[in-house]
N, C-alpha and C. Protein backbone atom coordinates (compact mmCIF):
# COMPACT_ATOMS: atom_id res chain seq x y z
N UNK A 1 58.11 32.36 -18.03
CA UNK A 1 58.73 31.07 -17.71
C UNK A 1 57.91 30.35 -16.63
N UNK A 2 57.61 29.10 -16.89
CA UNK A 2 56.88 28.31 -15.90
C UNK A 2 57.83 27.88 -14.79
N UNK A 3 57.38 28.06 -13.55
CA UNK A 3 58.18 27.66 -12.39
C UNK A 3 57.97 26.16 -12.13
N UNK A 4 59.07 25.42 -12.01
CA UNK A 4 58.98 23.96 -11.87
C UNK A 4 59.70 23.50 -10.60
N UNK A 5 59.02 22.64 -9.85
CA UNK A 5 59.63 21.97 -8.71
C UNK A 5 59.54 20.46 -8.93
N UNK A 6 60.63 19.77 -8.63
CA UNK A 6 60.67 18.30 -8.75
C UNK A 6 60.47 17.66 -7.39
N UNK A 7 59.76 16.54 -7.40
CA UNK A 7 59.53 15.72 -6.21
C UNK A 7 59.93 14.29 -6.57
N UNK A 8 61.06 13.83 -6.03
CA UNK A 8 61.67 12.58 -6.51
C UNK A 8 61.61 11.51 -5.42
N UNK A 9 60.94 10.41 -5.74
CA UNK A 9 60.84 9.25 -4.86
C UNK A 9 62.11 8.42 -5.06
N UNK A 10 63.06 8.56 -4.14
CA UNK A 10 64.38 7.99 -4.32
C UNK A 10 64.40 6.48 -4.52
N UNK A 11 63.66 5.74 -3.71
CA UNK A 11 63.70 4.29 -3.82
C UNK A 11 62.93 3.80 -5.05
N UNK A 12 61.86 4.49 -5.42
CA UNK A 12 61.14 4.13 -6.63
C UNK A 12 62.05 4.27 -7.85
N UNK A 13 62.82 5.35 -7.86
CA UNK A 13 63.78 5.58 -8.94
C UNK A 13 64.91 4.56 -8.89
N UNK A 14 65.44 4.33 -7.71
CA UNK A 14 66.57 3.40 -7.54
C UNK A 14 66.22 2.00 -8.04
N UNK A 15 65.10 1.47 -7.57
CA UNK A 15 64.74 0.10 -7.96
C UNK A 15 64.30 0.01 -9.41
N UNK A 16 63.82 1.12 -9.97
CA UNK A 16 63.55 1.14 -11.40
C UNK A 16 64.83 0.98 -12.20
N UNK A 17 65.88 1.67 -11.77
CA UNK A 17 67.18 1.54 -12.44
C UNK A 17 67.71 0.11 -12.33
N UNK A 18 67.57 -0.48 -11.15
CA UNK A 18 68.07 -1.83 -10.93
C UNK A 18 67.32 -2.83 -11.82
N UNK A 19 66.00 -2.72 -11.84
CA UNK A 19 65.21 -3.67 -12.63
C UNK A 19 65.41 -3.48 -14.14
N UNK A 20 65.76 -2.29 -14.55
CA UNK A 20 66.00 -2.01 -15.96
C UNK A 20 67.41 -2.41 -16.39
N UNK A 21 68.23 -2.83 -15.42
CA UNK A 21 69.60 -3.21 -15.73
C UNK A 21 70.54 -2.04 -15.88
N UNK A 22 70.21 -0.93 -15.20
CA UNK A 22 71.02 0.29 -15.29
C UNK A 22 71.82 0.52 -14.02
N UNK A 23 72.37 -0.56 -13.47
CA UNK A 23 73.11 -0.47 -12.20
C UNK A 23 74.25 0.53 -12.26
N UNK A 24 74.91 0.63 -13.40
CA UNK A 24 76.07 1.52 -13.49
C UNK A 24 75.69 2.99 -13.50
N UNK A 25 74.38 3.28 -13.54
CA UNK A 25 73.93 4.67 -13.53
C UNK A 25 73.28 5.07 -12.20
N UNK A 26 73.53 4.28 -11.15
CA UNK A 26 72.96 4.62 -9.84
C UNK A 26 73.63 5.83 -9.20
N UNK A 27 74.83 6.20 -9.71
CA UNK A 27 75.55 7.38 -9.22
C UNK A 27 74.94 8.61 -9.89
N UNK A 28 73.66 8.80 -9.64
CA UNK A 28 72.84 9.75 -10.40
C UNK A 28 72.83 11.13 -9.75
N UNK A 29 73.11 12.14 -10.56
CA UNK A 29 73.03 13.53 -10.11
C UNK A 29 71.58 13.99 -10.26
N UNK A 30 70.88 14.05 -9.13
CA UNK A 30 69.45 14.34 -9.15
C UNK A 30 69.16 15.73 -9.73
N UNK A 31 69.98 16.71 -9.36
CA UNK A 31 69.75 18.07 -9.88
C UNK A 31 70.03 18.15 -11.38
N UNK A 32 71.06 17.46 -11.84
CA UNK A 32 71.35 17.44 -13.28
C UNK A 32 70.21 16.77 -14.04
N UNK A 33 69.65 15.68 -13.46
CA UNK A 33 68.51 15.03 -14.11
C UNK A 33 67.33 15.98 -14.23
N UNK A 34 67.05 16.72 -13.16
CA UNK A 34 65.95 17.69 -13.20
C UNK A 34 66.19 18.73 -14.30
N UNK A 35 67.39 19.27 -14.37
CA UNK A 35 67.69 20.26 -15.41
C UNK A 35 67.58 19.67 -16.81
N UNK A 36 67.98 18.41 -16.95
CA UNK A 36 67.90 17.77 -18.26
C UNK A 36 66.48 17.43 -18.69
N UNK A 37 65.56 17.44 -17.74
CA UNK A 37 64.15 17.16 -18.05
C UNK A 37 63.33 18.43 -18.28
N UNK A 38 63.91 19.58 -18.00
CA UNK A 38 63.19 20.85 -18.18
C UNK A 38 63.01 21.17 -19.66
N UNK A 39 61.90 21.86 -19.96
CA UNK A 39 61.69 22.40 -21.30
C UNK A 39 62.28 23.81 -21.37
N UNK A 40 62.39 24.34 -22.57
CA UNK A 40 63.06 25.64 -22.75
C UNK A 40 62.28 26.79 -22.12
N UNK A 41 60.96 26.63 -21.94
CA UNK A 41 60.16 27.71 -21.36
C UNK A 41 59.92 27.50 -19.87
N UNK A 42 60.76 26.68 -19.24
CA UNK A 42 60.61 26.40 -17.82
C UNK A 42 61.88 26.76 -17.06
N UNK A 43 61.71 27.12 -15.79
CA UNK A 43 62.86 27.37 -14.93
C UNK A 43 62.74 26.53 -13.66
N UNK A 44 63.88 26.01 -13.21
CA UNK A 44 63.91 25.14 -12.05
C UNK A 44 63.90 25.97 -10.77
N UNK A 45 62.92 25.70 -9.92
CA UNK A 45 62.81 26.40 -8.64
C UNK A 45 63.46 25.59 -7.53
N UNK A 46 63.20 24.29 -7.51
CA UNK A 46 63.75 23.46 -6.44
C UNK A 46 63.69 21.98 -6.83
N UNK A 47 64.53 21.19 -6.16
CA UNK A 47 64.54 19.74 -6.34
C UNK A 47 64.42 19.11 -4.96
N UNK A 48 63.36 18.35 -4.75
CA UNK A 48 63.13 17.67 -3.47
C UNK A 48 63.33 16.17 -3.66
N UNK A 49 64.20 15.60 -2.83
CA UNK A 49 64.57 14.19 -2.95
C UNK A 49 64.18 13.47 -1.67
N UNK A 50 63.41 12.40 -1.82
CA UNK A 50 62.85 11.69 -0.67
C UNK A 50 63.39 10.26 -0.64
N UNK A 51 63.91 9.85 0.53
CA UNK A 51 64.46 8.51 0.65
C UNK A 51 64.41 8.08 2.10
N UNK A 52 65.00 6.93 2.41
CA UNK A 52 65.12 6.43 3.78
C UNK A 52 66.52 5.85 3.96
N UNK A 53 66.99 5.88 5.18
CA UNK A 53 68.30 5.30 5.49
C UNK A 53 68.22 3.79 5.47
N UNK A 54 69.13 3.16 4.73
CA UNK A 54 69.21 1.71 4.69
C UNK A 54 69.68 1.21 6.05
N UNK A 55 69.13 0.09 6.48
CA UNK A 55 69.50 -0.52 7.76
C UNK A 55 69.89 -1.98 7.54
N UNK A 56 70.63 -2.53 8.52
CA UNK A 56 70.93 -3.96 8.60
C UNK A 56 71.84 -4.48 7.49
N UNK A 57 72.54 -3.60 6.79
CA UNK A 57 73.53 -4.03 5.80
C UNK A 57 74.63 -2.98 5.76
N UNK A 58 75.74 -3.22 6.46
CA UNK A 58 76.82 -2.22 6.51
C UNK A 58 77.33 -1.79 5.15
N UNK A 59 77.44 -2.73 4.20
CA UNK A 59 77.95 -2.37 2.88
C UNK A 59 76.97 -1.44 2.15
N UNK A 60 75.69 -1.76 2.20
CA UNK A 60 74.68 -0.91 1.55
C UNK A 60 74.60 0.44 2.24
N UNK A 61 74.70 0.44 3.57
CA UNK A 61 74.67 1.70 4.31
C UNK A 61 75.83 2.60 3.90
N UNK A 62 77.01 2.00 3.76
CA UNK A 62 78.19 2.78 3.37
C UNK A 62 78.01 3.38 1.97
N UNK A 63 77.53 2.56 1.03
CA UNK A 63 77.33 3.07 -0.33
C UNK A 63 76.28 4.18 -0.36
N UNK A 64 75.19 3.98 0.38
CA UNK A 64 74.16 5.01 0.39
C UNK A 64 74.67 6.31 1.02
N UNK A 65 75.38 6.19 2.15
CA UNK A 65 75.92 7.39 2.81
C UNK A 65 76.88 8.14 1.89
N UNK A 66 77.72 7.40 1.17
CA UNK A 66 78.65 8.03 0.23
C UNK A 66 77.86 8.78 -0.84
N UNK A 67 76.85 8.14 -1.38
CA UNK A 67 76.04 8.75 -2.44
C UNK A 67 75.32 10.00 -1.94
N UNK A 68 74.68 9.91 -0.78
CA UNK A 68 73.93 11.05 -0.26
C UNK A 68 74.85 12.22 0.07
N UNK A 69 76.05 11.91 0.56
CA UNK A 69 77.01 12.97 0.86
C UNK A 69 77.50 13.62 -0.43
N UNK A 70 77.73 12.81 -1.46
CA UNK A 70 78.14 13.36 -2.75
C UNK A 70 77.05 14.25 -3.34
N UNK A 71 75.81 13.83 -3.21
CA UNK A 71 74.69 14.64 -3.69
C UNK A 71 74.63 15.99 -2.98
N UNK A 72 74.81 15.95 -1.66
CA UNK A 72 74.71 17.20 -0.89
C UNK A 72 75.84 18.15 -1.25
N UNK A 73 77.06 17.63 -1.41
CA UNK A 73 78.21 18.49 -1.69
C UNK A 73 78.17 19.00 -3.12
N UNK A 74 77.97 18.10 -4.08
CA UNK A 74 78.06 18.49 -5.49
C UNK A 74 76.79 19.17 -6.00
N UNK A 75 75.63 18.68 -5.56
CA UNK A 75 74.36 19.15 -6.14
C UNK A 75 73.48 19.92 -5.18
N UNK A 76 73.97 20.10 -3.94
CA UNK A 76 73.22 20.86 -2.92
C UNK A 76 71.83 20.26 -2.69
N UNK A 77 71.79 18.92 -2.61
CA UNK A 77 70.55 18.20 -2.36
C UNK A 77 70.55 17.71 -0.91
N UNK A 78 69.54 18.11 -0.13
CA UNK A 78 69.37 17.61 1.23
C UNK A 78 68.09 16.79 1.26
N UNK A 79 68.20 15.48 1.42
CA UNK A 79 67.02 14.62 1.32
C UNK A 79 66.02 14.82 2.46
N UNK A 80 64.78 14.49 2.16
CA UNK A 80 63.75 14.31 3.17
C UNK A 80 63.73 12.82 3.50
N UNK A 81 63.86 12.49 4.79
CA UNK A 81 64.01 11.08 5.16
C UNK A 81 62.72 10.49 5.72
N UNK A 82 62.40 9.30 5.21
CA UNK A 82 61.40 8.46 5.84
C UNK A 82 62.15 7.46 6.71
N UNK A 83 61.58 6.27 6.85
CA UNK A 83 62.26 5.26 7.66
C UNK A 83 61.82 3.87 7.22
N UNK A 84 62.65 2.88 7.57
CA UNK A 84 62.27 1.49 7.33
C UNK A 84 61.65 0.93 8.61
N UNK A 85 60.55 0.23 8.44
CA UNK A 85 59.85 -0.37 9.57
C UNK A 85 59.74 -1.87 9.33
N UNK A 86 60.12 -2.69 10.32
CA UNK A 86 60.05 -4.14 10.11
C UNK A 86 58.61 -4.62 9.95
N UNK A 87 58.40 -5.46 8.98
CA UNK A 87 57.10 -6.08 8.75
C UNK A 87 57.28 -7.58 8.98
N UNK A 88 56.69 -8.08 10.08
CA UNK A 88 56.92 -9.47 10.47
C UNK A 88 55.93 -10.39 9.76
N UNK A 89 56.50 -11.38 9.09
CA UNK A 89 55.71 -12.32 8.31
C UNK A 89 55.93 -13.74 8.85
N UNK A 90 54.84 -14.45 9.06
CA UNK A 90 54.93 -15.81 9.59
C UNK A 90 54.66 -16.83 8.49
N UNK A 91 55.53 -17.83 8.41
CA UNK A 91 55.32 -18.95 7.49
C UNK A 91 54.47 -19.99 8.20
N UNK A 92 53.30 -20.26 7.66
CA UNK A 92 52.39 -21.19 8.33
C UNK A 92 52.76 -22.65 8.08
N UNK A 93 53.72 -22.90 7.21
CA UNK A 93 54.19 -24.27 7.01
C UNK A 93 55.20 -24.70 8.08
N UNK A 94 56.11 -23.75 8.43
CA UNK A 94 57.15 -24.10 9.39
C UNK A 94 57.09 -23.27 10.68
N UNK A 95 56.14 -22.31 10.74
CA UNK A 95 55.95 -21.44 11.91
C UNK A 95 57.11 -20.47 12.13
N UNK A 96 57.98 -20.36 11.15
CA UNK A 96 59.09 -19.41 11.28
C UNK A 96 58.60 -18.00 10.98
N UNK A 97 59.03 -17.03 11.78
CA UNK A 97 58.69 -15.63 11.57
C UNK A 97 59.93 -14.88 11.12
N UNK A 98 59.79 -14.12 10.06
CA UNK A 98 60.94 -13.35 9.58
C UNK A 98 60.51 -11.91 9.31
N UNK A 99 61.51 -11.06 9.27
CA UNK A 99 61.27 -9.62 9.11
C UNK A 99 61.53 -9.19 7.68
N UNK A 100 60.57 -8.48 7.11
CA UNK A 100 60.73 -7.90 5.78
C UNK A 100 60.54 -6.39 5.91
N UNK A 101 61.63 -5.62 5.84
CA UNK A 101 61.51 -4.18 6.09
C UNK A 101 60.71 -3.46 5.01
N UNK A 102 59.83 -2.57 5.43
CA UNK A 102 59.04 -1.75 4.52
C UNK A 102 59.41 -0.29 4.70
N UNK A 103 59.55 0.41 3.60
CA UNK A 103 59.83 1.85 3.69
C UNK A 103 58.55 2.58 4.05
N UNK A 104 58.64 3.46 5.05
CA UNK A 104 57.49 4.20 5.52
C UNK A 104 57.73 5.70 5.43
N UNK A 105 56.66 6.45 5.26
CA UNK A 105 56.63 7.91 5.33
C UNK A 105 57.04 8.62 4.05
N UNK A 106 57.69 7.95 3.12
CA UNK A 106 58.14 8.65 1.93
C UNK A 106 56.97 9.21 1.15
N UNK A 107 55.94 8.40 0.89
CA UNK A 107 54.79 8.89 0.12
C UNK A 107 54.08 10.01 0.87
N UNK A 108 54.01 9.91 2.20
CA UNK A 108 53.39 10.97 3.00
C UNK A 108 54.23 12.24 2.93
N UNK A 109 55.54 12.10 3.04
CA UNK A 109 56.42 13.28 2.95
C UNK A 109 56.28 13.96 1.60
N UNK A 110 56.21 13.18 0.53
CA UNK A 110 56.05 13.76 -0.80
C UNK A 110 54.71 14.47 -0.92
N UNK A 111 53.65 13.81 -0.45
CA UNK A 111 52.30 14.39 -0.54
C UNK A 111 52.22 15.72 0.20
N UNK A 112 52.74 15.74 1.43
CA UNK A 112 52.70 16.97 2.24
C UNK A 112 53.48 18.09 1.56
N UNK A 113 54.68 17.77 1.07
CA UNK A 113 55.51 18.80 0.45
C UNK A 113 54.86 19.36 -0.82
N UNK A 114 54.27 18.49 -1.65
CA UNK A 114 53.60 18.97 -2.86
C UNK A 114 52.43 19.88 -2.51
N UNK A 115 51.62 19.48 -1.52
CA UNK A 115 50.45 20.26 -1.15
C UNK A 115 50.83 21.61 -0.54
N UNK A 116 51.84 21.60 0.33
CA UNK A 116 52.28 22.85 0.95
C UNK A 116 52.85 23.80 -0.10
N UNK A 117 53.66 23.27 -1.01
CA UNK A 117 54.23 24.12 -2.07
C UNK A 117 53.14 24.69 -2.98
N UNK A 118 52.11 23.89 -3.25
CA UNK A 118 50.99 24.38 -4.06
C UNK A 118 50.26 25.50 -3.32
N UNK A 119 49.99 25.28 -2.05
CA UNK A 119 49.30 26.29 -1.23
C UNK A 119 50.11 27.58 -1.15
N UNK A 120 51.43 27.46 -1.05
CA UNK A 120 52.30 28.64 -0.95
C UNK A 120 52.64 29.22 -2.32
N UNK A 121 52.05 28.68 -3.38
CA UNK A 121 52.24 29.15 -4.76
C UNK A 121 53.73 29.19 -5.14
N UNK A 122 54.41 28.07 -4.91
CA UNK A 122 55.83 28.01 -5.23
C UNK A 122 56.11 27.45 -6.62
N UNK A 123 55.11 26.84 -7.26
CA UNK A 123 55.33 26.28 -8.59
C UNK A 123 54.11 26.45 -9.48
N UNK A 124 54.36 26.41 -10.77
CA UNK A 124 53.29 26.30 -11.76
C UNK A 124 53.14 24.84 -12.18
N UNK A 125 54.28 24.14 -12.24
CA UNK A 125 54.29 22.72 -12.59
C UNK A 125 55.11 21.97 -11.55
N UNK A 126 54.51 20.93 -11.01
CA UNK A 126 55.24 20.01 -10.15
C UNK A 126 55.52 18.74 -10.93
N UNK A 127 56.77 18.32 -10.97
CA UNK A 127 57.12 17.09 -11.67
C UNK A 127 57.43 16.02 -10.64
N UNK A 128 56.58 15.02 -10.59
CA UNK A 128 56.72 13.92 -9.65
C UNK A 128 57.44 12.76 -10.33
N UNK A 129 58.57 12.35 -9.76
CA UNK A 129 59.31 11.21 -10.30
C UNK A 129 58.99 10.00 -9.43
N UNK A 130 57.99 9.24 -9.84
CA UNK A 130 57.55 8.08 -9.09
C UNK A 130 56.44 7.38 -9.85
N UNK A 131 56.28 6.09 -9.58
CA UNK A 131 55.15 5.35 -10.12
C UNK A 131 54.25 4.83 -9.02
N UNK A 132 54.35 5.41 -7.84
CA UNK A 132 53.63 4.94 -6.66
C UNK A 132 52.19 5.44 -6.68
N UNK A 133 51.23 4.51 -6.72
CA UNK A 133 49.82 4.88 -6.79
C UNK A 133 49.32 5.53 -5.49
N UNK A 134 50.06 5.40 -4.39
CA UNK A 134 49.67 6.07 -3.15
C UNK A 134 49.70 7.59 -3.29
N UNK A 135 50.34 8.08 -4.35
CA UNK A 135 50.43 9.53 -4.54
C UNK A 135 49.31 10.09 -5.42
N UNK A 136 48.37 9.25 -5.82
CA UNK A 136 47.24 9.73 -6.62
C UNK A 136 46.38 10.74 -5.84
N UNK A 137 46.04 10.50 -4.55
CA UNK A 137 45.22 11.48 -3.83
C UNK A 137 45.79 12.89 -3.79
N UNK A 138 47.08 13.10 -3.45
CA UNK A 138 47.58 14.48 -3.48
C UNK A 138 47.61 15.07 -4.88
N UNK A 139 47.86 14.25 -5.89
CA UNK A 139 47.81 14.76 -7.27
C UNK A 139 46.40 15.28 -7.57
N UNK A 140 45.39 14.49 -7.23
CA UNK A 140 44.01 14.89 -7.49
C UNK A 140 43.63 16.15 -6.71
N UNK A 141 44.07 16.23 -5.45
CA UNK A 141 43.72 17.39 -4.63
C UNK A 141 44.33 18.67 -5.18
N UNK A 142 45.56 18.59 -5.63
CA UNK A 142 46.21 19.78 -6.20
C UNK A 142 45.47 20.22 -7.46
N UNK A 143 45.10 19.28 -8.30
CA UNK A 143 44.37 19.65 -9.52
C UNK A 143 42.98 20.19 -9.21
N UNK A 144 42.34 19.69 -8.16
CA UNK A 144 41.01 20.17 -7.79
C UNK A 144 41.04 21.55 -7.14
N UNK A 145 42.05 21.78 -6.31
CA UNK A 145 42.10 23.03 -5.54
C UNK A 145 42.84 24.15 -6.26
N UNK A 146 43.74 23.81 -7.16
CA UNK A 146 44.58 24.82 -7.81
C UNK A 146 44.49 24.60 -9.32
N UNK A 147 43.53 25.22 -9.92
CA UNK A 147 43.23 24.97 -11.34
C UNK A 147 44.36 25.40 -12.27
N UNK A 148 45.21 26.32 -11.80
CA UNK A 148 46.30 26.81 -12.64
C UNK A 148 47.60 26.05 -12.46
N UNK A 149 47.57 24.96 -11.68
CA UNK A 149 48.78 24.19 -11.43
C UNK A 149 48.64 22.78 -12.00
N UNK A 150 49.78 22.22 -12.41
CA UNK A 150 49.78 20.88 -13.00
C UNK A 150 50.80 20.00 -12.30
N UNK A 151 50.42 18.76 -12.11
CA UNK A 151 51.38 17.75 -11.68
C UNK A 151 51.65 16.85 -12.88
N UNK A 152 52.89 16.86 -13.33
CA UNK A 152 53.36 15.99 -14.41
C UNK A 152 54.14 14.84 -13.77
N UNK A 153 53.95 13.64 -14.27
CA UNK A 153 54.63 12.48 -13.70
C UNK A 153 55.71 11.98 -14.65
N UNK A 154 56.93 11.88 -14.12
CA UNK A 154 58.02 11.24 -14.85
C UNK A 154 58.24 9.86 -14.26
N UNK A 155 57.94 8.83 -15.02
CA UNK A 155 58.08 7.47 -14.51
C UNK A 155 59.53 7.00 -14.62
N UNK A 156 60.09 6.51 -13.50
CA UNK A 156 61.39 5.86 -13.60
C UNK A 156 61.29 4.63 -14.51
N UNK A 157 62.41 4.12 -14.98
CA UNK A 157 62.37 2.89 -15.78
C UNK A 157 61.64 1.77 -15.04
N UNK A 158 60.82 1.02 -15.75
CA UNK A 158 60.08 -0.14 -15.21
C UNK A 158 59.09 0.25 -14.11
N UNK A 159 58.66 1.51 -14.09
CA UNK A 159 57.76 1.96 -13.03
C UNK A 159 56.50 2.64 -13.57
N UNK A 160 56.19 2.44 -14.84
CA UNK A 160 54.98 3.05 -15.40
C UNK A 160 53.75 2.49 -14.71
N UNK A 161 52.81 3.40 -14.36
CA UNK A 161 51.59 3.01 -13.66
C UNK A 161 50.43 3.74 -14.32
N UNK A 162 49.50 2.99 -14.89
CA UNK A 162 48.41 3.59 -15.66
C UNK A 162 47.53 4.49 -14.81
N UNK A 163 47.23 4.08 -13.58
CA UNK A 163 46.36 4.89 -12.73
C UNK A 163 47.02 6.22 -12.35
N UNK A 164 48.33 6.19 -12.13
CA UNK A 164 49.06 7.43 -11.84
C UNK A 164 49.09 8.31 -13.09
N UNK A 165 49.29 7.70 -14.24
CA UNK A 165 49.30 8.45 -15.50
C UNK A 165 47.97 9.16 -15.73
N UNK A 166 46.87 8.48 -15.43
CA UNK A 166 45.54 9.08 -15.62
C UNK A 166 45.31 10.26 -14.69
N UNK A 167 45.87 10.19 -13.49
CA UNK A 167 45.69 11.29 -12.54
C UNK A 167 46.52 12.51 -12.91
N UNK A 168 47.61 12.30 -13.63
CA UNK A 168 48.51 13.41 -13.96
C UNK A 168 47.94 14.27 -15.08
N UNK A 169 48.56 15.44 -15.27
CA UNK A 169 48.22 16.32 -16.39
C UNK A 169 49.25 16.18 -17.51
N UNK A 170 49.94 15.08 -17.51
CA UNK A 170 50.97 14.78 -18.49
C UNK A 170 51.95 13.81 -17.86
N UNK A 171 52.52 12.93 -18.66
CA UNK A 171 53.47 11.96 -18.10
C UNK A 171 54.45 11.52 -19.17
N UNK A 172 55.57 11.00 -18.71
CA UNK A 172 56.61 10.50 -19.61
C UNK A 172 57.43 9.46 -18.86
N UNK A 173 58.17 8.67 -19.61
CA UNK A 173 59.09 7.70 -19.02
C UNK A 173 60.51 8.24 -19.16
N UNK A 174 61.26 8.25 -18.08
CA UNK A 174 62.63 8.75 -18.12
C UNK A 174 63.50 7.74 -18.86
N UNK A 175 64.07 8.17 -19.95
CA UNK A 175 64.85 7.27 -20.80
C UNK A 175 66.28 7.09 -20.34
N UNK A 176 66.90 6.08 -20.89
CA UNK A 176 68.27 5.73 -20.53
C UNK A 176 69.24 6.87 -20.80
N UNK A 177 69.08 7.60 -21.90
CA UNK A 177 70.03 8.66 -22.25
C UNK A 177 70.00 9.79 -21.23
N UNK A 178 68.79 10.18 -20.78
CA UNK A 178 68.70 11.24 -19.79
C UNK A 178 69.41 10.84 -18.50
N UNK A 179 69.27 9.58 -18.13
CA UNK A 179 69.93 9.09 -16.93
C UNK A 179 71.45 9.04 -17.12
N UNK A 180 71.87 8.54 -18.27
CA UNK A 180 73.30 8.46 -18.57
C UNK A 180 73.94 9.85 -18.57
N UNK A 181 73.22 10.85 -19.07
CA UNK A 181 73.75 12.21 -19.17
C UNK A 181 73.65 12.98 -17.86
N UNK A 182 73.18 12.33 -16.79
CA UNK A 182 72.95 13.04 -15.51
C UNK A 182 73.70 12.36 -14.36
N UNK A 183 74.95 12.01 -14.62
CA UNK A 183 75.75 11.33 -13.60
C UNK A 183 76.63 12.29 -12.82
N UNK A 184 76.85 11.97 -11.56
CA UNK A 184 77.80 12.71 -10.75
C UNK A 184 79.23 12.46 -11.26
N UNK A 185 80.16 13.36 -10.97
CA UNK A 185 81.57 13.04 -11.27
C UNK A 185 81.98 11.77 -10.53
N UNK A 186 82.88 11.01 -11.10
CA UNK A 186 83.33 9.77 -10.46
C UNK A 186 83.88 10.05 -9.07
N UNK A 187 84.53 11.19 -8.90
CA UNK A 187 85.02 11.64 -7.59
C UNK A 187 84.39 12.98 -7.25
N UNK A 188 83.89 13.09 -6.04
CA UNK A 188 83.36 14.35 -5.53
C UNK A 188 84.23 14.73 -4.34
N UNK A 189 84.87 15.89 -4.41
CA UNK A 189 85.82 16.30 -3.37
C UNK A 189 85.13 17.12 -2.30
N UNK A 190 85.28 16.69 -1.06
CA UNK A 190 84.73 17.41 0.08
C UNK A 190 85.58 18.64 0.38
N UNK A 191 85.05 19.61 1.13
CA UNK A 191 85.82 20.81 1.46
C UNK A 191 87.15 20.51 2.15
N UNK A 192 87.22 19.39 2.90
CA UNK A 192 88.46 19.04 3.59
C UNK A 192 89.44 18.27 2.71
N UNK A 193 89.06 18.08 1.43
CA UNK A 193 89.94 17.39 0.49
C UNK A 193 89.66 15.90 0.33
N UNK A 194 88.84 15.33 1.19
CA UNK A 194 88.52 13.91 1.09
C UNK A 194 87.70 13.66 -0.17
N UNK A 195 88.01 12.57 -0.87
CA UNK A 195 87.33 12.27 -2.12
C UNK A 195 86.27 11.19 -1.94
N UNK A 196 85.05 11.54 -2.28
CA UNK A 196 83.96 10.57 -2.29
C UNK A 196 83.92 9.93 -3.67
N UNK A 197 84.05 8.62 -3.73
CA UNK A 197 84.15 7.93 -5.01
C UNK A 197 82.92 7.07 -5.29
N UNK A 198 82.58 6.98 -6.55
CA UNK A 198 81.49 6.10 -6.97
C UNK A 198 81.81 4.68 -6.52
N UNK A 199 80.87 4.00 -5.83
CA UNK A 199 81.14 2.64 -5.37
C UNK A 199 81.48 1.70 -6.54
N UNK A 200 82.44 0.83 -6.32
CA UNK A 200 82.85 -0.11 -7.36
C UNK A 200 81.70 -1.02 -7.76
N UNK A 201 80.82 -1.31 -6.80
CA UNK A 201 79.68 -2.19 -7.09
C UNK A 201 78.70 -1.55 -8.07
N UNK A 202 78.80 -0.25 -8.27
CA UNK A 202 77.89 0.45 -9.18
C UNK A 202 78.51 0.66 -10.55
N UNK A 203 79.68 0.13 -10.78
CA UNK A 203 80.37 0.35 -12.04
C UNK A 203 79.96 -0.70 -13.07
């Protein structure tokens, strides 16, 4: 059995769902998705989920916190966190400066985790869920240094990237059915009895 570890770029996946019009499937069970993507001769070793905490929007923060807590309780997923960093942009027509937050560290966190796991011989196949071309260097390094290991790329909806596909040892697009079949329960009950519910905005 081939040992498989997943490396999931949370925001790349999230915005792919949004752009594809799959808003009602944002209540996604990451571990169930990983299991649904496995082949019969593969076994799941681990699922790594990378994201950042939303800032400056209480409603979005509440929805994200609910989702991440549901993931941890139901699917035993503990995310690796990056951060949002303000990117100040000046309009030269009116001299107004505004902030456009950029997510930082996620690609670095993914790259480090993939390389460390390869060095520690934790997987035979790493499945990267992302279309981010910043991850091409670690993909290439793993293939160059570890000839018996493969990085396969699963592209979220609307996130196919030809350069990332060329660097991989195989790639596919995650279809609507796999996402639909990998949803969390509408209610996830915490140990104290409190019920975490799918946000109404995601229905």
